[in-house]
Amino acid sequence: MRYKFSPFALLLLLCCAAHAQTAMINIYGRSGTSLNGKWETIIDPFDVGIGWRAIYKDARPKGKTDFVEYSFGPANTLYVPGDFNSQLPELTYFESSVWYKKTFNCPGSKDGRFFIHFGAVNYIADVYFNGKKLGHHEGGFTPFQFEVTDLIKETGNSLIVRANSARVKNGIPGSLFDWFNYGGITRDVQLIKTRQIFVEDYKIQLDPKDNSRITGYVKLDTTLAGKLISLSIPELKVNQKLVTDEKGYAGVNLKKGLKLWTPEQPKLYDIRLNVEGDTVADRIGFRNIKVEGTKILLNGKPVFLRGVNIHEEIPQRGARAWSESDAKTLIDWAKELGCNFVRLVHYPHNEYAIKYAEEKGIMVWEEVPVYQGIDFADATVKDKAEQMLKEVIKRDRNRCNVILWSIANETSPSKERDQTLIELAKEVKMLDPGRLVTAAFNNVNRQGDKMILKDSVMKYLDVIGVNEYMGWYTDWPGEPEKMQWVSDFNKPMIISEFGGESVYGNKADTVIKASAWSEDYVANIYHNQIKMFGTIPFLQGVCPWVLADFRSPYRMQSTYQKGWNRKGLLSDQGEKKKAWYIMKAYYDGLKDGSH
């Protein structure tokens, strides 16, 4: 029997079969060519280019009566990487498809293998190369790649990307979230060249049970056994040959005297891997992180996390942060505040931010955008969340400053939600058992002046995060210094969000209501929060919300907010509010392990 498929069904089958490849790690330590810069673009507000318009074909008129009702050209360009919303005023609130085109030459394309690597595209990406569809990726904050070895040419290569930022009900995040939906190709695009066999993945970290032992693995892109991989760590006088097994893995097990990474002395070692002339270089630090009762232990010693929440946005530009310089701006602000820890919300941030924080001695909480309003009843949601976790854990598993993987923020309890989060927590532990798993909750049970932790998902976590906005969204249930926090779990807690909104320079007496958006009112909230911190015996970190004011169409108060969430310690111009100085003084007065 012959089966007939409609054109739509064939298209659906092709799309389902052509998902992006999981990206090789440490792109910046490999041989590559940047494809950043100006790309020709077509704005597609009704998203017709994927269908009958077929923009991906990049058609040209041929006959006398031929015409095509779209065209790429140098008159319409956008910069990559960068969100499209901040580059053109007419795209400020645009949430649909923009088509990007880049042409480039590749001398020596017959020698080696070639991959096109995307740091991130928000939210859906469809990628075409030299007339062929390479595949599809969903998720706006994690890397993906496609091999183009059989398609690449010496000259005249054409790369076309459809970037669609429309909100998706069963997406991650879902259809409503409290930050700006920056669309486009928002992170670096690179053409990576490798030899026929190359190192695809590796994990080289401190043995959780032995602070003088380095363990892990190196994985080739192939399953060939008996291949020799060179591992070099010059400062430790390591020059070892590793041998792959039948799955293409080679184990790492070294006993060495190590200087461990700490926030005070963020020691990193140069490391080089080589297989048959293909080389990848990295800088890796070694540390041990675990919990013991209600304590968080770094290298066996209690540590109190002096944190701040950071959105991946440069407020002065009102744009997605994308460059190494942008990452330094945000992390340097946190360092100036006195932080040894940052919570990067509510999605995986740029690789630049993670690596620069590591250099500056700042521990990191990384999070996938399982946010308020997620459609847990949809069976595909858990799979999408798991895929995002796999992509970010693979990317950053060698960054010693990443101590916490967060699986969710402010989700409402339900049977489907509970089961999904429990499975995600177990998945993290399987993928990366040497780190801690957490989530941020805002459903704490209030009874008089008591705050009681009861969410059943908490028992599956290593560290509990709690978002509370007492003094802002709710009144104080009692005097801050007499508050009682009660936990059903013998685990450390981080107050992962607290604060209030104020406009820089807006002064008013502290007794005025929150609706005044005054610095003084919020300063009083911070003073009261600090009084409360000292009453919580299992508190092991605090994270004010948020480092800087950030854009959010969700915030529609026309006098003060104007499309911005104003809870920043810094204004949208980087000016320090009163709350900044309160947290700075608090952090300067702390010693690690106590508060």
Protein backbone atom coordinates (compact mmCIF):
# COMPACT_ATOMS: atom_id res chain seq x y z
CA MET A 1 0.00 0.00 0.00
CA ARG A 2 1.26 3.48 -0.86
CA TYR A 3 0.59 6.24 1.67
CA LYS A 4 -0.10 9.76 0.53
CA PHE A 5 0.91 12.71 2.69
CA SER A 6 -0.38 16.24 2.37
CA PRO A 7 2.25 18.98 1.91
CA PHE A 8 1.52 20.13 5.46
CA ALA A 9 2.07 16.64 6.86
CA LEU A 10 5.35 16.28 4.98
CA LEU A 11 6.51 19.63 6.31
CA LEU A 12 5.57 18.58 9.83
CA LEU A 13 7.50 15.32 9.51
CA LEU A 14 10.57 17.13 8.21
CA CYS A 15 10.45 19.67 11.03
CA CYS A 16 10.04 16.99 13.68
CA ALA A 17 12.99 15.04 12.29
CA ALA A 18 15.37 17.97 12.11
CA HIS A 19 16.02 19.17 15.65
CA ALA A 20 19.25 20.95 16.46
CA GLN A 21 22.27 18.99 17.61
CA THR A 22 23.40 19.33 21.21
CA ALA A 23 26.24 21.83 21.10
CA MET A 24 29.88 20.96 21.69
CA ILE A 25 31.14 22.74 24.79
CA ASN A 26 33.61 25.59 25.24
CA ILE A 27 33.24 27.19 21.83
CA TYR A 28 35.54 30.04 22.85
CA GLY A 29 38.41 27.60 23.41
CA ARG A 30 38.28 26.22 19.86
CA SER A 31 39.23 27.20 16.34
CA GLY A 32 36.40 29.30 14.98
CA THR A 33 35.33 32.22 12.81
CA SER A 34 32.85 34.79 14.05
CA LEU A 35 29.72 35.28 11.95
CA ASN A 36 28.70 38.29 14.02
CA GLY A 37 28.06 41.64 12.42
CA LYS A 38 25.41 43.03 10.09
CA TRP A 39 22.92 40.52 8.74
CA GLU A 40 20.34 41.28 6.06
CA THR A 41 16.82 40.95 7.42
CA ILE A 42 13.14 40.67 6.53
CA ILE A 43 10.46 41.57 9.08
CA ASP A 44 7.65 39.01 9.00
CA PRO A 45 4.88 40.24 11.36
CA PHE A 46 2.28 37.67 10.28
CA ASP A 47 4.81 34.81 10.18
CA VAL A 48 3.99 33.82 6.60
CA GLY A 49 7.58 33.26 5.51
CA ILE A 50 7.65 29.70 6.79
CA GLY A 51 4.66 28.80 4.61
CA TRP A 52 3.64 29.83 1.12
CA ARG A 53 6.01 32.81 1.00
CA ALA A 54 8.92 30.40 1.56
CA ILE A 55 11.42 33.12 2.50
CA TYR A 56 13.95 30.40 3.35
CA LYS A 57 14.30 29.72 -0.40
CA ASP A 58 15.72 33.24 -0.93
CA ALA A 59 14.15 33.22 -4.40
CA ARG A 60 15.06 35.61 -7.23
CA PRO A 61 12.94 36.65 -10.24
CA LYS A 62 14.08 34.77 -13.33
CA GLY A 63 11.61 35.23 -16.19
CA LYS A 64 10.22 38.37 -17.78
CA THR A 65 6.96 38.20 -15.84
CA ASP A 66 8.51 36.76 -12.68
CA PHE A 67 8.34 38.54 -9.37
CA VAL A 68 8.98 37.63 -5.72
CA GLU A 69 7.23 39.54 -2.94
CA TYR A 70 10.12 39.56 -0.49
CA SER A 71 13.85 40.23 -0.69
CA PHE A 72 16.91 40.40 1.48
CA GLY A 73 19.18 43.34 0.88
CA PRO A 74 21.76 45.69 2.41
CA ALA A 75 19.14 48.38 3.03
CA ASN A 76 17.56 46.32 5.82
CA THR A 77 20.07 45.03 8.32
CA LEU A 78 20.29 44.20 12.02
CA TYR A 79 23.34 43.58 14.14
CA VAL A 80 24.04 40.06 15.36
CA PRO A 81 24.26 39.33 18.21
CA GLY A 82 21.60 41.63 19.55
CA ASP A 83 17.88 41.71 20.16
CA PHE A 84 15.86 43.20 17.30
CA ASN A 85 13.51 45.09 19.65
CA SER A 86 16.11 47.65 20.74
CA GLN A 87 17.65 48.14 17.29
CA LEU A 88 14.63 49.57 15.48
CA PRO A 89 11.90 51.66 17.18
CA GLU A 90 9.18 50.03 15.08
CA LEU A 91 10.22 46.65 16.55
CA THR A 92 10.07 47.71 20.21
CA TYR A 93 7.12 45.48 21.07
CA PHE A 94 7.38 43.18 18.07
CA GLU A 95 6.83 39.49 18.86
CA SER A 96 6.90 37.42 15.70
CA SER A 97 9.42 36.38 13.06
CA VAL A 98 12.46 38.16 11.73
CA TRP A 99 14.41 36.45 8.96
CA TYR A 100 18.18 36.89 9.01
CA LYS A 101 20.64 36.22 6.21
CA LYS A 102 24.44 36.09 6.30
CA THR A 103 26.69 35.32 3.33
CA PHE A 104 30.31 34.38 3.85
CA ASN A 105 33.29 32.66 2.28
CA CYS A 106 35.18 29.73 3.76
CA PRO A 107 38.63 29.18 2.25
CA GLY A 108 39.88 25.69 3.01
CA SER A 109 36.40 24.28 3.40
CA LYS A 110 37.47 20.91 1.98
CA ASP A 111 39.76 20.30 4.92
CA GLY A 112 38.15 19.24 8.21
CA ARG A 113 34.61 19.43 9.57
CA PHE A 114 32.48 22.55 10.03
CA PHE A 115 29.70 23.45 12.45
CA ILE A 116 27.52 26.53 12.79
CA HIS A 117 27.07 27.29 16.47
CA PHE A 118 24.44 29.61 17.96
CA GLY A 119 24.83 30.90 21.51
CA ALA A 120 21.07 31.56 21.64
CA VAL A 121 18.11 32.55 19.48
CA ASN A 122 14.84 33.63 21.12
CA TYR A 123 12.52 31.74 21.06
CA ILE A 124 12.11 29.46 18.02
CA ALA A 125 14.88 29.12 15.45
CA ASP A 126 14.65 27.52 12.02
CA VAL A 127 18.01 27.37 10.25
CA TYR A 128 18.76 26.98 6.53
CA PHE A 129 22.16 26.72 4.86
CA ASN A 130 22.88 26.87 1.13
CA GLY A 131 19.27 26.03 0.31
CA LYS A 132 18.82 23.17 2.78
CA LYS A 133 17.01 23.19 6.12
CA LEU A 134 19.47 22.28 8.84
CA GLY A 135 16.88 22.08 11.59
CA HIS A 136 14.92 23.63 14.38
CA HIS A 137 15.56 24.69 17.99
CA GLU A 138 13.16 25.74 20.74
CA GLY A 139 14.36 27.72 23.75
CA GLY A 140 15.68 31.25 23.87
CA PHE A 141 18.70 30.96 26.17
CA THR A 142 20.67 27.81 25.43
CA PRO A 143 23.19 26.94 22.69
CA PHE A 144 22.72 24.68 19.69
CA GLN A 145 24.58 23.82 16.50
CA PHE A 146 24.42 22.12 13.12
CA GLU A 147 27.11 20.38 11.11
CA VAL A 148 27.53 21.81 7.60
CA THR A 149 30.60 19.88 6.41
CA ASP A 150 28.81 18.40 3.38
CA LEU A 151 27.18 21.70 2.40
CA ILE A 152 29.84 24.34 2.90
CA LYS A 153 31.61 25.95 -0.07
CA GLU A 154 34.78 27.97 -0.57
CA THR A 155 32.74 31.04 -1.52
CA GLY A 156 29.17 32.28 -1.46
CA ASN A 157 27.75 30.43 1.54
CA SER A 158 24.26 31.55 2.55
CA LEU A 159 22.97 31.15 6.11
CA ILE A 160 19.30 32.01 6.75
CA VAL A 161 17.67 31.99 10.18
CA ARG A 162 14.05 32.50 11.13
CA ALA A 163 13.94 33.84 14.68
CA ASN A 164 10.44 33.85 16.12
CA SER A 165 9.84 35.40 19.56
CA ALA A 166 6.09 34.79 19.84
CA ARG A 167 5.03 33.64 23.29
CA VAL A 168 4.06 29.98 23.45
CA LYS A 169 1.49 28.65 25.92
CA ASN A 170 3.35 25.39 26.41
CA GLY A 171 6.73 27.06 26.06
CA ILE A 172 9.39 27.68 28.68
CA PRO A 173 8.76 30.37 29.75
CA GLY A 174 5.04 30.37 29.01
CA SER A 175 2.86 33.12 27.64
CA LEU A 176 3.29 35.63 30.49
CA PHE A 177 6.48 36.68 32.25
CA ASP A 178 7.74 39.76 34.07
CA TRP A 179 10.68 40.70 31.87
CA PHE A 180 11.09 42.05 28.36
CA ASN A 181 10.74 39.53 25.56
CA TYR A 182 13.87 40.39 23.58
CA GLY A 183 13.74 38.51 20.28
CA GLY A 184 16.29 37.66 17.62
CA ILE A 185 19.77 36.16 17.41
CA THR A 186 20.85 37.40 20.81
CA ARG A 187 24.23 35.70 21.25
CA ASP A 188 27.32 34.95 19.18
CA VAL A 189 27.15 32.94 15.95
CA GLN A 190 30.33 31.11 15.02
CA LEU A 191 31.61 28.81 12.33
CA ILE A 192 33.63 26.14 14.17
CA LYS A 193 36.26 24.07 12.39
CA THR A 194 37.40 20.70 13.75
CA ARG A 195 39.41 17.71 12.59
CA GLN A 196 37.59 14.53 11.58
CA ILE A 197 37.62 13.44 15.23
CA PHE A 198 37.25 16.02 17.99
CA VAL A 199 36.49 16.46 21.66
CA GLU A 200 32.76 17.09 21.96
CA ASP A 201 32.37 17.16 25.74
CA TYR A 202 34.38 16.89 28.94
CA LYS A 203 34.01 17.21 32.67
CA ILE A 204 37.18 17.89 34.65
CA GLN A 205 36.39 18.77 38.26
CA LEU A 206 37.35 18.13 41.86
CA ASP A 207 36.41 14.76 43.30
CA PRO A 208 33.55 15.49 45.76
CA LYS A 209 35.15 13.09 48.27
CA ASP A 210 38.81 14.05 47.86
CA ASN A 211 40.07 17.64 47.60
CA SER A 212 43.38 16.49 46.12
CA ARG A 213 41.94 14.45 43.28
CA ILE A 214 40.73 15.57 39.83
CA THR A 215 38.17 13.29 38.23
CA GLY A 216 35.88 13.30 35.23
CA TYR A 217 35.87 12.27 31.60
CA VAL A 218 36.58 13.38 28.06
CA LYS A 219 34.13 12.40 25.31
CA LEU A 220 34.81 12.32 21.59
CA ASP A 221 32.14 12.95 18.97
CA THR A 222 32.58 9.33 17.85
CA THR A 223 32.31 5.94 19.55
CA LEU A 224 35.76 4.79 18.47
CA ALA A 225 37.73 2.89 21.10
CA GLY A 226 41.49 3.15 21.62
CA LYS A 227 41.89 6.79 20.61
CA LEU A 228 44.55 8.72 22.51
CA ILE A 229 43.61 12.07 24.03
CA SER A 230 46.29 14.35 25.47
CA LEU A 231 45.43 16.15 28.71
CA SER A 232 47.78 18.96 29.70
CA ILE A 233 47.73 21.09 32.88
CA PRO A 234 51.12 22.87 32.76
CA GLU A 235 51.02 24.44 36.24
CA LEU A 236 50.42 21.01 37.80
CA LYS A 237 52.99 19.38 35.49
CA VAL A 238 50.29 17.11 34.05
CA ASN A 239 50.80 15.73 30.57
CA GLN A 240 48.74 12.58 30.41
CA LYS A 241 47.50 10.30 27.65
CA LEU A 242 43.90 9.15 28.02
CA VAL A 243 42.47 6.19 26.07
CA THR A 244 38.85 6.06 24.91
CA ASP A 245 36.54 3.11 25.49
CA GLU A 246 34.07 1.68 22.97
CA LYS A 247 31.68 4.58 23.65
CA GLY A 248 34.27 7.24 22.93
CA TYR A 249 34.80 8.17 26.60
CA ALA A 250 38.11 8.42 28.43
CA GLY A 251 38.23 8.68 32.21
CA VAL A 252 40.18 11.34 34.11
CA ASN A 253 41.68 10.51 37.51
CA LEU A 254 44.60 12.57 38.83
CA LYS A 255 46.03 12.96 42.31
CA LYS A 256 47.56 16.42 42.66
CA GLY A 257 48.16 19.08 45.23
CA LEU A 258 45.65 21.78 44.31
CA LYS A 259 44.97 25.35 45.22
CA LEU A 260 41.21 25.38 45.56
CA TRP A 261 38.97 28.07 44.06
CA THR A 262 37.36 30.41 46.58
CA PRO A 263 35.68 33.82 46.26
CA GLU A 264 38.69 35.36 47.99
CA GLN A 265 41.23 33.56 45.75
CA PRO A 266 39.52 32.43 42.53
CA LYS A 267 42.32 30.20 41.28
CA LEU A 268 41.99 28.83 37.71
CA TYR A 269 44.28 26.39 35.89
CA ASP A 270 45.01 26.42 32.15
CA ILE A 271 43.97 23.09 30.61
CA ARG A 272 44.43 21.79 27.08
CA LEU A 273 42.91 18.75 25.40
CA ASN A 274 44.09 17.35 22.07
CA VAL A 275 43.01 14.45 19.89
CA GLU A 276 44.68 13.88 16.50
CA GLY A 277 45.59 17.56 16.20
CA ASP A 278 42.19 18.92 17.29
CA THR A 279 42.67 21.15 20.33
CA VAL A 280 40.40 22.79 22.89
CA ALA A 281 41.72 25.07 25.65
CA ASP A 282 40.02 25.97 28.93
CA ARG A 283 40.63 27.54 32.34
CA ILE A 284 39.18 25.44 35.14
CA GLY A 285 38.95 25.93 38.87
CA PHE A 286 38.57 23.22 41.48
CA ARG A 287 36.26 23.42 44.50
CA ASN A 288 33.90 21.30 46.55
CA ILE A 289 30.33 22.35 47.28
CA LYS A 290 27.87 20.44 49.46
CA VAL A 291 25.28 20.84 52.20
CA GLU A 292 25.54 19.51 55.72
CA GLY A 293 22.33 19.95 57.68
CA THR A 294 21.38 23.60 57.30
CA LYS A 295 24.88 24.70 56.25
CA ILE A 296 26.29 25.27 52.77
CA LEU A 297 29.93 24.18 52.72
CA LEU A 298 32.50 25.44 50.21
CA ASN A 299 35.66 23.34 50.38
CA GLY A 300 34.40 22.03 53.71
CA LYS A 301 33.85 25.45 55.30
CA PRO A 302 30.50 27.21 55.91
CA VAL A 303 29.77 30.01 53.47
CA PHE A 304 27.04 32.66 53.61
CA LEU A 305 25.88 33.73 50.16
CA ARG A 306 25.92 37.52 49.80
CA GLY A 307 23.95 37.78 46.60
CA VAL A 308 21.97 39.84 44.16
CA ASN A 309 19.55 38.93 41.37
CA ILE A 310 20.62 39.90 37.85
CA HIS A 311 18.59 40.09 34.66
CA GLU A 312 20.54 39.85 31.41
CA GLU A 313 19.89 43.44 30.42
CA ILE A 314 21.93 46.63 30.19
CA PRO A 315 19.44 49.18 31.56
CA GLN A 316 21.13 52.25 30.08
CA ARG A 317 20.56 50.79 26.61
CA GLY A 318 17.26 49.09 27.40
CA ALA A 319 18.59 46.06 25.55
CA ARG A 320 19.61 42.46 26.05
CA ALA A 321 23.17 42.15 27.38
CA TRP A 322 25.16 40.12 24.86
CA SER A 323 28.85 41.01 24.84
CA GLU A 324 31.82 40.31 27.10
CA SER A 325 31.81 44.01 27.97
CA ASP A 326 28.13 43.79 28.99
CA ALA A 327 28.87 40.81 31.22
CA LYS A 328 31.68 42.69 32.92
CA THR A 329 29.42 45.67 33.57
CA LEU A 330 26.84 43.55 35.39
CA ILE A 331 29.28 41.37 37.33
CA ASP A 332 31.43 44.34 38.33
CA TRP A 333 28.35 46.04 39.77
CA ALA A 334 27.68 42.92 41.86
CA LYS A 335 31.30 42.82 42.98
CA GLU A 336 31.16 46.49 43.98
CA LEU A 337 28.05 45.75 46.07
CA GLY A 338 30.08 43.22 48.07
CA CYS A 339 28.60 40.07 46.57
CA ASN A 340 30.25 36.65 46.56
CA PHE A 341 27.20 35.21 44.80
CA VAL A 342 24.72 36.10 42.03
CA ARG A 343 21.41 34.59 41.05
CA LEU A 344 21.16 34.83 37.25
CA VAL A 345 17.45 35.05 36.53
CA HIS A 346 15.19 33.67 35.15
CA TYR A 347 16.98 31.84 32.36
CA PRO A 348 20.54 30.74 31.48
CA HIS A 349 22.70 33.80 30.90
CA ASN A 350 25.48 34.34 28.39
CA GLU A 351 28.62 32.23 28.75
CA TYR A 352 30.60 35.45 29.10
CA ALA A 353 28.80 36.24 32.37
CA ILE A 354 29.50 32.82 33.89
CA LYS A 355 33.19 32.88 33.00
CA TYR A 356 33.78 36.45 34.12
CA ALA A 357 32.01 35.78 37.43
CA GLU A 358 34.30 32.79 37.88
CA GLU A 359 37.37 34.98 37.37
CA LYS A 360 36.05 37.53 39.87
CA GLY A 361 35.32 34.95 42.58
CA ILE A 362 31.52 35.05 42.39
CA MET A 363 29.42 31.93 42.88
CA VAL A 364 26.42 31.47 40.60
CA TRP A 365 22.82 30.23 40.75
CA GLU A 366 21.74 29.24 37.20
CA GLU A 367 18.07 28.84 36.37
CA VAL A 368 15.86 27.51 33.58
CA PRO A 369 12.74 29.61 32.83
CA VAL A 370 10.20 27.32 34.48
CA TYR A 371 8.37 30.40 35.65
CA GLN A 372 4.93 31.46 36.85
CA GLY A 373 2.11 30.27 34.61
CA ILE A 374 3.91 27.26 33.15
CA ASP A 375 1.43 24.79 31.66
CA PHE A 376 2.48 21.72 33.67
CA ALA A 377 -0.57 19.80 32.47
CA ASP A 378 0.92 19.76 28.96
CA ALA A 379 3.04 16.62 28.64
CA THR A 380 5.60 18.36 26.40
CA VAL A 381 6.55 20.95 29.04
CA LYS A 382 8.61 18.59 31.17
CA ASP A 383 10.50 17.37 28.10
CA LYS A 384 11.31 20.94 27.09
CA ALA A 385 12.50 21.76 30.60
CA GLU A 386 14.69 18.67 30.68
CA GLN A 387 16.21 19.57 27.33
CA MET A 388 17.05 23.09 28.52
CA LEU A 389 18.61 21.68 31.68
CA LYS A 390 20.72 19.28 29.63
CA GLU A 391 21.88 22.08 27.33
CA VAL A 392 22.91 24.50 30.08
CA ILE A 393 24.44 21.85 32.34
CA LYS A 394 26.51 20.55 29.46
CA ARG A 395 27.65 24.08 28.62
CA ASP A 396 28.64 25.08 32.16
CA ARG A 397 29.49 21.89 34.03
CA ASN A 398 33.19 22.85 34.13
CA ARG A 399 32.55 26.28 35.64
CA CYS A 400 33.44 25.76 39.28
CA ASN A 401 31.59 28.91 40.37
CA VAL A 402 28.24 27.44 39.33
CA ILE A 403 27.06 25.93 42.62
CA LEU A 404 23.26 25.82 42.18
CA TRP A 405 21.03 24.58 39.37
CA SER A 406 17.53 26.01 39.79
CA ILE A 407 14.62 24.09 38.30
CA ALA A 408 11.84 26.66 38.83
CA ASN A 409 10.70 30.04 40.10
CA GLU A 410 7.38 30.86 41.81
CA THR A 411 5.31 27.95 40.55
CA SER A 412 1.94 27.08 42.07
CA PRO A 413 1.52 23.65 43.69
CA SER A 414 -0.49 21.08 41.77
CA LYS A 415 -0.20 17.38 41.12
CA GLU A 416 1.30 17.99 37.67
CA ARG A 417 3.62 20.73 38.88
CA ASP A 418 4.87 18.70 41.85
CA GLN A 419 5.59 15.62 39.75
CA THR A 420 7.36 17.65 37.06
CA LEU A 421 9.63 19.46 39.53
CA ILE A 422 10.46 16.28 41.41
CA GLU A 423 11.49 14.61 38.15
CA LEU A 424 13.53 17.67 37.13
CA ALA A 425 15.34 17.64 40.48
CA LYS A 426 16.21 13.98 39.99
CA GLU A 427 17.34 14.69 36.43
CA VAL A 428 19.76 17.39 37.65
CA LYS A 429 21.24 15.03 40.21
CA MET A 430 21.77 12.42 37.54
CA LEU A 431 23.35 14.88 35.09
CA ASP A 432 25.57 16.69 37.60
CA PRO A 433 25.70 15.10 41.07
CA GLY A 434 28.56 17.33 42.24
CA ARG A 435 26.37 20.44 42.43
CA LEU A 436 23.34 21.52 44.42
CA VAL A 437 19.76 21.69 43.17
CA THR A 438 17.34 24.41 44.20
CA ALA A 439 14.15 26.26 43.25
CA ALA A 440 12.55 29.53 44.35
CA PHE A 441 9.14 29.37 46.07
CA ASN A 442 6.69 32.12 47.00
CA ASN A 443 4.00 29.94 48.62
CA VAL A 444 5.23 30.03 52.21
CA ASN A 445 2.52 29.42 54.83
CA ARG A 446 2.00 32.48 57.07
CA GLN A 447 0.54 31.94 60.53
CA GLY A 448 0.64 35.10 62.63
CA ASP A 449 4.29 36.10 62.93
CA LYS A 450 5.40 32.66 61.75
CA MET A 451 6.60 31.79 58.24
CA ILE A 452 6.35 28.04 57.69
CA LEU A 453 8.05 26.10 54.87
CA LYS A 454 5.84 23.19 53.85
CA ASP A 455 5.95 22.74 50.05
CA SER A 456 6.43 19.00 49.48
CA VAL A 457 8.83 19.59 46.57
CA MET A 458 11.32 21.16 48.98
CA LYS A 459 12.38 17.79 50.34
CA TYR A 460 13.83 16.88 46.92
CA LEU A 461 16.13 19.93 46.88
CA ASP A 462 19.51 20.58 48.47
CA VAL A 463 18.83 24.26 49.10
CA ILE A 464 15.45 25.99 49.45
CA GLY A 465 14.90 29.37 47.82
CA VAL A 466 12.14 31.65 49.12
CA ASN A 467 10.87 34.81 47.42
CA GLU A 468 9.16 37.09 49.93
CA TYR A 469 8.17 40.73 49.54
CA MET A 470 7.07 41.64 53.05
CA GLY A 471 6.63 45.37 53.27
CA TRP A 472 5.82 45.56 49.56
CA TYR A 473 3.20 43.09 48.27
CA THR A 474 2.17 42.12 51.82
CA ASP A 475 2.30 43.78 55.21
CA TRP A 476 4.71 42.60 57.85
CA PRO A 477 2.87 39.96 59.92
CA GLY A 478 4.75 41.12 63.03
CA GLU A 479 7.82 43.02 64.10
CA PRO A 480 10.68 42.00 61.74
CA GLU A 481 13.14 41.24 64.54
CA LYS A 482 10.56 38.96 66.22
CA MET A 483 9.57 36.97 63.13
CA GLN A 484 9.80 33.18 63.40
CA TRP A 485 10.73 31.01 60.44
CA VAL A 486 9.85 27.34 60.75
CA SER A 487 10.96 24.59 58.37
CA ASP A 488 9.76 21.02 57.98
CA PHE A 489 13.13 20.30 56.34
CA ASN A 490 16.65 20.18 57.73
CA LYS A 491 18.03 22.20 54.81
CA PRO A 492 19.68 25.57 54.19
CA MET A 493 17.47 28.38 52.89
CA ILE A 494 18.28 31.36 50.70
CA ILE A 495 15.92 34.33 50.63
CA SER A 496 16.11 34.45 46.86
CA GLU A 497 14.03 37.62 46.38
CA PHE A 498 12.96 40.58 48.53
CA GLY A 499 12.66 44.33 48.05
CA GLY A 500 10.34 46.94 46.60
CA GLU A 501 10.01 49.45 43.77
CA SER A 502 11.36 52.98 43.86
CA VAL A 503 12.29 55.65 41.34
CA TYR A 504 15.79 57.04 41.74
CA GLY A 505 15.70 60.48 43.31
CA ASN A 506 12.08 60.16 44.43
CA LYS A 507 12.27 61.10 48.13
CA ALA A 508 9.41 60.77 50.56
CA ASP A 509 8.87 59.96 54.22
CA THR A 510 8.97 56.25 55.06
CA VAL A 511 5.40 56.23 56.34
CA ILE A 512 4.03 57.03 52.88
CA LYS A 513 2.46 54.04 51.15
CA ALA A 514 4.26 51.80 48.66
CA SER A 515 2.39 53.51 45.83
CA ALA A 516 4.64 56.55 46.22
CA TRP A 517 7.51 54.58 44.62
CA SER A 518 9.91 56.40 46.94
CA GLU A 519 13.49 55.49 47.81
CA ASP A 520 12.79 56.11 51.49
CA TYR A 521 9.90 53.68 51.65
CA VAL A 522 11.98 50.93 50.07
CA ALA A 523 14.97 51.79 52.27
CA ASN A 524 12.75 51.08 55.26
CA ILE A 525 11.83 47.69 53.77
CA TYR A 526 15.53 46.85 53.51
CA HIS A 527 16.25 47.90 57.08
CA ASN A 528 13.42 45.67 58.30
CA GLN A 529 14.52 42.75 56.14
CA ILE A 530 18.02 42.88 57.62
CA LYS A 531 16.53 42.86 61.13
CA MET A 532 14.63 39.70 60.19
CA PHE A 533 17.61 37.90 58.62
CA GLY A 534 19.24 37.55 62.01
CA THR A 535 16.25 35.60 63.37
CA ILE A 536 16.42 32.75 60.82
CA PRO A 537 18.71 29.97 62.06
CA PHE A 538 18.81 28.08 58.74
CA LEU A 539 19.35 31.14 56.51
CA GLN A 540 22.49 30.72 54.40
CA GLY A 541 22.14 33.49 51.84
CA VAL A 542 20.16 36.51 50.71
CA CYS A 543 19.51 37.91 47.26
CA PRO A 544 17.78 41.31 46.90
CA TRP A 545 15.57 41.80 43.87
CA VAL A 546 17.15 43.18 41.73
CA LEU A 547 20.54 44.61 40.69
CA ALA A 548 19.14 47.20 38.27
CA ASP A 549 15.77 48.42 37.02
CA PHE A 550 14.77 46.39 33.97
CA ARG A 551 12.19 46.67 31.21
CA SER A 552 8.86 44.89 31.60
CA PRO A 553 5.67 45.74 29.68
CA TYR A 554 3.93 43.99 32.57
CA ARG A 555 4.60 47.17 34.63
CA MET A 556 2.09 49.77 33.42
CA GLN A 557 2.00 52.48 36.10
CA SER A 558 2.32 55.55 33.90
CA THR A 559 3.93 57.99 36.35
CA TYR A 560 6.65 55.88 37.94
CA GLN A 561 7.07 52.54 36.18
CA LYS A 562 6.59 53.44 32.51
CA GLY A 563 7.25 49.88 31.37
CA TRP A 564 10.04 49.23 33.88
CA ASN A 565 10.27 47.07 36.97
CA ARG A 566 11.70 49.61 39.45
CA LYS A 567 12.95 47.23 42.15
CA GLY A 568 16.57 47.76 41.14
CA LEU A 569 19.26 48.76 43.61
CA LEU A 570 20.44 50.75 40.59
CA SER A 571 18.29 52.93 38.36
CA ASP A 572 17.88 52.45 34.64
CA GLN A 573 20.88 54.78 34.28
CA GLY A 574 23.05 52.90 36.75
CA GLU A 575 22.51 55.38 39.61
CA LYS A 576 22.72 53.98 43.15
CA LYS A 577 19.50 54.13 45.16
CA LYS A 578 19.36 54.20 48.98
CA ALA A 579 18.74 50.44 49.09
CA TRP A 580 22.13 49.88 47.39
CA TYR A 581 23.99 51.53 50.25
CA ILE A 582 22.00 49.59 52.86
CA MET A 583 22.90 46.24 51.27
CA LYS A 584 26.48 47.34 50.72
CA ALA A 585 26.88 48.15 54.43
CA TYR A 586 25.22 44.86 55.43
CA TYR A 587 27.49 42.79 53.19
CA ASP A 588 30.62 44.64 54.27
CA GLY A 589 29.76 43.78 57.88
CA LEU A 590 29.32 40.04 57.24
CA LYS A 591 31.82 37.26 57.63
CA ASP A 592 31.40 34.07 55.62
CA GLY A 593 29.45 31.47 57.53
CA SER A 594 27.55 33.93 59.74
CA HIS A 595 24.96 36.66 59.41
